[in-house]
C-alpha atoms as a PDB file:
ATOM      1  CA  MET A   1     230.725 -14.546 235.320  1.00  0.00           C
ATOM      2  CA  SER A   2     231.168 -11.319 237.221  1.00  0.00           C
ATOM      3  CA  LYS A   3     229.069 -10.399 240.211  1.00  0.00           C
ATOM      4  CA  LEU A   4     225.526  -9.466 239.284  1.00  0.00           C
ATOM      5  CA  THR A   5     223.917  -6.175 240.184  1.00  0.00           C
ATOM      6  CA  LYS A   6     220.733  -6.214 242.276  1.00  0.00           C
ATOM      7  CA  LYS A   7     218.765  -5.293 239.150  1.00  0.00           C
ATOM      8  CA  GLU A   8     220.228  -8.241 237.266  1.00  0.00           C
ATOM      9  CA  GLU A   9     219.435 -10.575 240.161  1.00  0.00           C
ATOM     10  CA  VAL A  10     215.815  -9.370 240.152  1.00  0.00           C
ATOM     11  CA  TYR A  11     215.641  -9.873 236.390  1.00  0.00           C
ATOM     12  CA  LEU A  12     216.966 -13.446 236.592  1.00  0.00           C
ATOM     13  CA  ARG A  13     214.532 -14.331 239.398  1.00  0.00           C
ATOM     14  CA  ALA A  14     211.640 -12.890 237.385  1.00  0.00           C
ATOM     15  CA  PHE A  15     212.716 -14.939 234.372  1.00  0.00           C
ATOM     16  CA  GLY A  16     212.861 -18.079 236.503  1.00  0.00           C
ATOM     17  CA  GLN A  17     209.343 -17.416 237.792  1.00  0.00           C
ATOM     18  CA  HIS A  18     208.163 -16.871 234.219  1.00  0.00           C
ATOM     19  CA  VAL A  19     209.641 -20.209 233.097  1.00  0.00           C
ATOM     20  CA  ASP A  20     208.006 -21.924 236.073  1.00  0.00           C
ATOM     21  CA  ARG A  21     204.617 -20.445 235.090  1.00  0.00           C
ATOM     22  CA  LEU A  22     205.089 -21.621 231.503  1.00  0.00           C
ATOM     23  CA  ILE A  23     205.908 -25.122 232.718  1.00  0.00           C
ATOM     24  CA  LYS A  24     202.763 -25.240 234.844  1.00  0.00           C
ATOM     25  CA  LYS A  25     200.683 -23.704 232.047  1.00  0.00           C
ATOM     26  CA  ARG A  26     201.706 -26.706 229.926  1.00  0.00           C
ATOM     27  CA  GLY A  27     200.087 -28.982 232.513  1.00  0.00           C
ATOM     28  CA  TYR A  28     203.110 -30.117 234.493  1.00  0.00           C
ATOM     29  CA  LYS A  29     202.633 -30.212 238.268  1.00  0.00           C
ATOM     30  CA  SER A  30     206.127 -28.894 238.922  1.00  0.00           C
ATOM     31  CA  ALA A  31     209.457 -28.173 237.284  1.00  0.00           C
ATOM     32  CA  TYR A  32     210.597 -31.604 238.464  1.00  0.00           C
ATOM     33  CA  ASP A  33     207.593 -33.218 236.743  1.00  0.00           C
ATOM     34  CA  PHE A  34     208.524 -31.336 233.554  1.00  0.00           C
ATOM     35  CA  TRP A  35     212.145 -32.434 233.844  1.00  0.00           C
ATOM     36  CA  VAL A  36     211.298 -36.107 234.463  1.00  0.00           C
ATOM     37  CA  ASN A  37     208.632 -36.396 231.775  1.00  0.00           C
ATOM     38  CA  ARG A  38     209.881 -34.067 229.050  1.00  0.00           C
ATOM     39  CA  ALA A  39     213.192 -32.330 229.535  1.00  0.00           C
ATOM     40  CA  GLY A  40     215.495 -34.816 231.245  1.00  0.00           C
ATOM     41  CA  ASP A  41     217.119 -36.010 228.030  1.00  0.00           C
ATOM     42  CA  HIS A  42     217.736 -32.438 226.867  1.00  0.00           C
ATOM     43  CA  ILE A  43     218.657 -30.286 229.856  1.00  0.00           C
ATOM     44  CA  SER A  44     220.269 -31.155 233.153  1.00  0.00           C
ATOM     45  CA  ARG A  45     218.210 -30.933 236.297  1.00  0.00           C
ATOM     46  CA  ALA A  46     220.825 -28.603 237.789  1.00  0.00           C
ATOM     47  CA  ALA A  47     220.640 -26.231 234.813  1.00  0.00           C
ATOM     48  CA  LEU A  48     216.843 -26.094 235.032  1.00  0.00           C
ATOM     49  CA  ASN A  49     216.956 -25.518 238.782  1.00  0.00           C
ATOM     50  CA  TYR A  50     219.523 -22.711 238.431  1.00  0.00           C
ATOM     51  CA  ILE A  51     217.371 -20.997 235.808  1.00  0.00           C
ATOM     52  CA  LEU A  52     214.194 -21.323 237.862  1.00  0.00           C
ATOM     53  CA  ALA A  53     215.917 -20.009 240.981  1.00  0.00           C
ATOM     54  CA  GLY A  54     217.446 -17.082 239.081  1.00  0.00           C
ATOM     55  CA  LYS A  55     220.918 -18.192 240.096  1.00  0.00           C
ATOM     56  CA  LYS A  56     222.445 -18.459 236.652  1.00  0.00           C
ATOM     57  CA  GLU A  57     222.101 -16.883 233.242  1.00  0.00           C
ATOM     58  CA  ALA A  58     220.835 -19.353 230.670  1.00  0.00           C
ATOM     59  CA  LYS A  59     222.842 -19.919 227.528  1.00  0.00           C
ATOM     60  CA  LEU A  60     221.176 -19.106 224.238  1.00  0.00           C
ATOM     61  CA  LEU A  61     220.997 -22.740 223.150  1.00  0.00           C
ATOM     62  CA  THR A  62     219.495 -23.706 226.500  1.00  0.00           C
ATOM     63  CA  LEU A  63     216.781 -21.100 225.987  1.00  0.00           C
ATOM     64  CA  ARG A  64     216.051 -22.495 222.539  1.00  0.00           C
ATOM     65  CA  THR A  65     215.867 -25.996 224.000  1.00  0.00           C
ATOM     66  CA  LEU A  66     213.482 -24.858 226.742  1.00  0.00           C
ATOM     67  CA  ALA A  67     211.236 -23.137 224.215  1.00  0.00           C
ATOM     68  CA  ASN A  68     211.164 -26.248 222.038  1.00  0.00           C
ATOM     69  CA  LEU A  69     210.388 -28.490 225.011  1.00  0.00           C
ATOM     70  CA  LEU A  70     207.545 -26.181 226.036  1.00  0.00           C
ATOM     71  CA  ASP A  71     206.275 -26.029 222.437  1.00  0.00           C
ATOM     72  CA  ILE A  72     206.490 -22.232 222.343  1.00  0.00           C
ATOM     73  CA  ASP A  73     208.367 -19.704 220.253  1.00  0.00           C
ATOM     74  CA  SER A  74     211.655 -18.533 221.698  1.00  0.00           C
ATOM     75  CA  LYS A  75     210.303 -14.973 221.760  1.00  0.00           C
ATOM     76  CA  ASP A  76     207.488 -16.076 224.077  1.00  0.00           C
ATOM     77  CA  LEU A  77     210.041 -17.456 226.511  1.00  0.00           C
ATOM     78  CA  LEU A  78     211.499 -13.958 226.795  1.00  0.00           C
ATOM     79  CA  ASP A  79     208.157 -12.144 226.970  1.00  0.00           C
ATOM     80  CA  PHE A  80     207.994 -11.254 230.664  1.00  0.00           C
ATOM     81  CA  ARG A  81     208.412  -8.288 232.971  1.00  0.00           C
ATOM     82  CA  ALA A  82     210.923  -8.033 235.761  1.00  0.00           C
END
Protein backbone atom coordinates (compact mmCIF):
# COMPACT_ATOMS: atom_id res chain seq x y z
CA MET A 1 0.00 0.00 0.00
CA SER A 2 1.33 3.42 -0.87
CA LYS A 3 1.78 6.15 1.69
CA LEU A 4 -1.49 7.63 2.85
CA THR A 5 -2.34 11.30 2.64
CA LYS A 6 -3.20 13.16 5.85
CA LYS A 7 -6.85 13.18 4.77
CA GLU A 8 -6.81 9.42 4.32
CA GLU A 9 -5.19 8.95 7.72
CA VAL A 10 -7.91 11.08 9.33
CA TYR A 11 -10.58 9.07 7.51
CA LEU A 12 -9.16 5.73 8.69
CA ARG A 13 -8.91 6.96 12.29
CA ALA A 14 -12.50 8.19 12.16
CA PHE A 15 -13.61 4.81 10.82
CA GLY A 16 -11.76 3.04 13.62
CA GLN A 17 -13.47 5.25 16.20
CA HIS A 18 -16.82 4.51 14.57
CA VAL A 19 -16.22 0.75 14.76
CA ASP A 20 -15.20 1.10 18.41
CA ARG A 21 -18.46 2.97 19.15
CA LEU A 22 -20.47 0.26 17.40
CA ILE A 23 -18.73 -2.42 19.44
CA LYS A 24 -19.53 -0.62 22.69
CA LYS A 25 -23.09 0.10 21.54
CA ARG A 26 -23.53 -3.68 21.25
CA GLY A 27 -22.72 -3.98 24.96
CA TYR A 28 -19.07 -5.00 24.84
CA LYS A 29 -16.82 -3.29 27.38
CA SER A 30 -13.97 -2.97 24.90
CA ALA A 31 -12.76 -4.10 21.50
CA TYR A 32 -10.81 -6.83 23.29
CA ASP A 33 -14.01 -8.02 25.00
CA PHE A 34 -15.70 -8.11 21.58
CA TRP A 35 -12.79 -10.03 20.08
CA VAL A 36 -12.64 -12.60 22.90
CA ASN A 37 -16.38 -13.20 23.14
CA ARG A 38 -17.56 -12.81 19.55
CA ALA A 39 -15.00 -12.15 16.87
CA GLY A 40 -11.94 -14.21 17.75
CA ASP A 41 -12.86 -17.13 15.50
CA HIS A 42 -13.54 -14.81 12.56
CA ILE A 43 -11.02 -11.97 12.59
CA SER A 44 -7.52 -11.76 13.97
CA ARG A 45 -6.87 -9.56 16.96
CA ALA A 46 -4.17 -7.75 14.98
CA ALA A 47 -6.56 -6.99 12.11
CA LEU A 48 -9.16 -5.60 14.52
CA ASN A 49 -6.56 -3.51 16.33
CA TYR A 50 -5.20 -2.09 13.05
CA ILE A 51 -8.71 -1.12 11.96
CA LEU A 52 -9.57 0.48 15.29
CA ALA A 53 -6.30 2.42 15.35
CA GLY A 54 -6.77 3.59 11.75
CA LYS A 55 -3.47 2.03 10.78
CA LYS A 56 -4.70 -0.17 7.97
CA GLU A 57 -7.44 -0.22 5.37
CA ALA A 58 -9.89 -3.04 5.96
CA LYS A 59 -10.55 -5.51 3.18
CA LEU A 60 -14.08 -5.75 1.87
CA LEU A 61 -14.62 -9.24 3.27
CA THR A 62 -13.32 -8.13 6.66
CA LEU A 63 -15.87 -5.31 6.67
CA ARG A 64 -18.63 -7.77 5.85
CA THR A 65 -17.45 -10.04 8.66
CA LEU A 66 -17.39 -7.14 11.13
CA ALA A 67 -20.90 -6.10 10.14
CA ASN A 68 -22.16 -9.66 10.56
CA LEU A 69 -20.48 -10.01 13.95
CA LEU A 70 -22.04 -6.74 15.09
CA ASP A 71 -25.44 -7.79 13.71
CA ILE A 72 -25.69 -4.69 11.52
CA ASP A 73 -26.00 -4.04 7.81
CA SER A 74 -22.75 -3.44 6.00
CA LYS A 75 -24.00 0.02 4.99
CA ASP A 76 -24.34 0.96 8.67
CA LEU A 77 -20.70 0.07 9.23
CA LEU A 78 -19.78 2.70 6.65
CA ASP A 79 -22.23 5.34 7.87
CA PHE A 80 -19.90 7.76 9.65
CA ARG A 81 -18.28 11.15 9.17
CA ALA A 82 -14.58 11.80 9.10
